């Protein structure tokens, strides 16, 4: 079976931690920020972990 190419769009958006977890940034934090509460904007700055079936798909896209 041939080698799988890394999906570069995915590779630019996520990071794999030392323990193998997948970390991503949160969405909706770029514009139209005036109507969003301070707590909501603060939570958008933090990173989130990915789990379940999506984690499996991402690892497959990265060839991990």
C-alpha atoms as a PDB file:
ATOM      1  CA  UNK A   1       0.000   0.000   0.000  1.00  0.00           C
ATOM      2  CA  UNK A   2       1.429   3.453  -0.894  1.00  0.00           C
ATOM      3  CA  UNK A   3       2.308   6.106   1.635  1.00  0.00           C
ATOM      4  CA  UNK A   4      -0.476   8.541   2.557  1.00  0.00           C
ATOM      5  CA  UNK A   5       0.072  12.229   1.963  1.00  0.00           C
ATOM      6  CA  UNK A   6      -0.491  14.645   4.831  1.00  0.00           C
ATOM      7  CA  UNK A   7      -3.597  16.814   4.432  1.00  0.00           C
ATOM      8  CA  UNK A   8      -1.943  20.229   4.651  1.00  0.00           C
ATOM      9  CA  UNK A   9      -5.151  22.141   5.445  1.00  0.00           C
ATOM     10  CA  UNK A  10      -5.638  19.974   8.521  1.00  0.00           C
ATOM     11  CA  UNK A  11      -1.970  20.152   9.502  1.00  0.00           C
ATOM     12  CA  UNK A  12      -2.087  23.967   9.589  1.00  0.00           C
ATOM     13  CA  UNK A  13      -5.123  24.058  11.882  1.00  0.00           C
ATOM     14  CA  UNK A  14      -4.392  21.460  14.548  1.00  0.00           C
ATOM     15  CA  UNK A  15      -1.539  20.384  16.793  1.00  0.00           C
ATOM     16  CA  UNK A  16      -0.772  17.013  18.333  1.00  0.00           C
ATOM     17  CA  UNK A  17       0.363  17.090  21.964  1.00  0.00           C
ATOM     18  CA  UNK A  18       3.088  14.929  23.432  1.00  0.00           C
ATOM     19  CA  UNK A  19       0.527  12.522  24.856  1.00  0.00           C
ATOM     20  CA  UNK A  20      -1.160  12.154  21.431  1.00  0.00           C
ATOM     21  CA  UNK A  21      -4.200  14.377  22.009  1.00  0.00           C
ATOM     22  CA  UNK A  22      -5.375  16.689  19.233  1.00  0.00           C
ATOM     23  CA  UNK A  23      -5.720  20.393  20.023  1.00  0.00           C
ATOM     24  CA  UNK A  24      -7.616  22.912  17.887  1.00  0.00           C
ATOM     25  CA  UNK A  25      -8.530  26.583  18.054  1.00  0.00           C
ATOM     26  CA  UNK A  26     -12.109  27.718  18.571  1.00  0.00           C
ATOM     27  CA  UNK A  27     -14.221  29.304  15.844  1.00  0.00           C
ATOM     28  CA  UNK A  28     -16.165  32.586  15.598  1.00  0.00           C
ATOM     29  CA  UNK A  29     -13.493  34.836  17.129  1.00  0.00           C
ATOM     30  CA  UNK A  30     -12.484  37.017  14.186  1.00  0.00           C
ATOM     31  CA  UNK A  31     -15.217  39.571  13.495  1.00  0.00           C
ATOM     32  CA  UNK A  32     -18.573  40.888  14.728  1.00  0.00           C
ATOM     33  CA  UNK A  33     -17.172  40.891  18.256  1.00  0.00           C
ATOM     34  CA  UNK A  34     -19.198  43.839  19.608  1.00  0.00           C
ATOM     35  CA  UNK A  35     -22.323  41.760  20.183  1.00  0.00           C
ATOM     36  CA  UNK A  36     -20.475  38.901  21.904  1.00  0.00           C
ATOM     37  CA  UNK A  37     -20.046  38.938  25.664  1.00  0.00           C
ATOM     38  CA  UNK A  38     -16.633  39.245  27.320  1.00  0.00           C
ATOM     39  CA  UNK A  39     -16.899  35.726  28.718  1.00  0.00           C
ATOM     40  CA  UNK A  40     -17.739  34.308  25.287  1.00  0.00           C
ATOM     41  CA  UNK A  41     -14.797  36.106  23.651  1.00  0.00           C
ATOM     42  CA  UNK A  42     -12.461  34.999  26.441  1.00  0.00           C
ATOM     43  CA  UNK A  43     -13.519  31.375  25.987  1.00  0.00           C
ATOM     44  CA  UNK A  44     -12.885  31.616  22.236  1.00  0.00           C
ATOM     45  CA  UNK A  45      -9.211  32.387  22.933  1.00  0.00           C
ATOM     46  CA  UNK A  46      -8.651  29.040  24.638  1.00  0.00           C
ATOM     47  CA  UNK A  47      -7.862  25.891  22.728  1.00  0.00           C
ATOM     48  CA  UNK A  48     -10.061  22.789  22.697  1.00  0.00           C
ATOM     49  CA  UNK A  49      -9.314  19.095  22.429  1.00  0.00           C
ATOM     50  CA  UNK A  50     -10.826  16.877  19.764  1.00  0.00           C
ATOM     51  CA  UNK A  51     -12.212  13.441  20.557  1.00  0.00           C
ATOM     52  CA  UNK A  52     -14.225  10.552  19.216  1.00  0.00           C
ATOM     53  CA  UNK A  53     -14.670   9.738  15.554  1.00  0.00           C
ATOM     54  CA  UNK A  54     -13.415  13.159  14.450  1.00  0.00           C
ATOM     55  CA  UNK A  55     -10.100  12.535  16.211  1.00  0.00           C
ATOM     56  CA  UNK A  56      -9.720   9.280  14.290  1.00  0.00           C
ATOM     57  CA  UNK A  57     -10.469  11.042  10.981  1.00  0.00           C
ATOM     58  CA  UNK A  58      -7.947  13.801  11.711  1.00  0.00           C
ATOM     59  CA  UNK A  59      -5.205  11.333  12.592  1.00  0.00           C
ATOM     60  CA  UNK A  60      -5.914   9.506   9.341  1.00  0.00           C
ATOM     61  CA  UNK A  61      -5.671  12.796   7.402  1.00  0.00           C
ATOM     62  CA  UNK A  62      -2.315  13.514   9.027  1.00  0.00           C
ATOM     63  CA  UNK A  63      -0.989  10.011   8.556  1.00  0.00           C
ATOM     64  CA  UNK A  64      -0.391   9.527  12.286  1.00  0.00           C
END
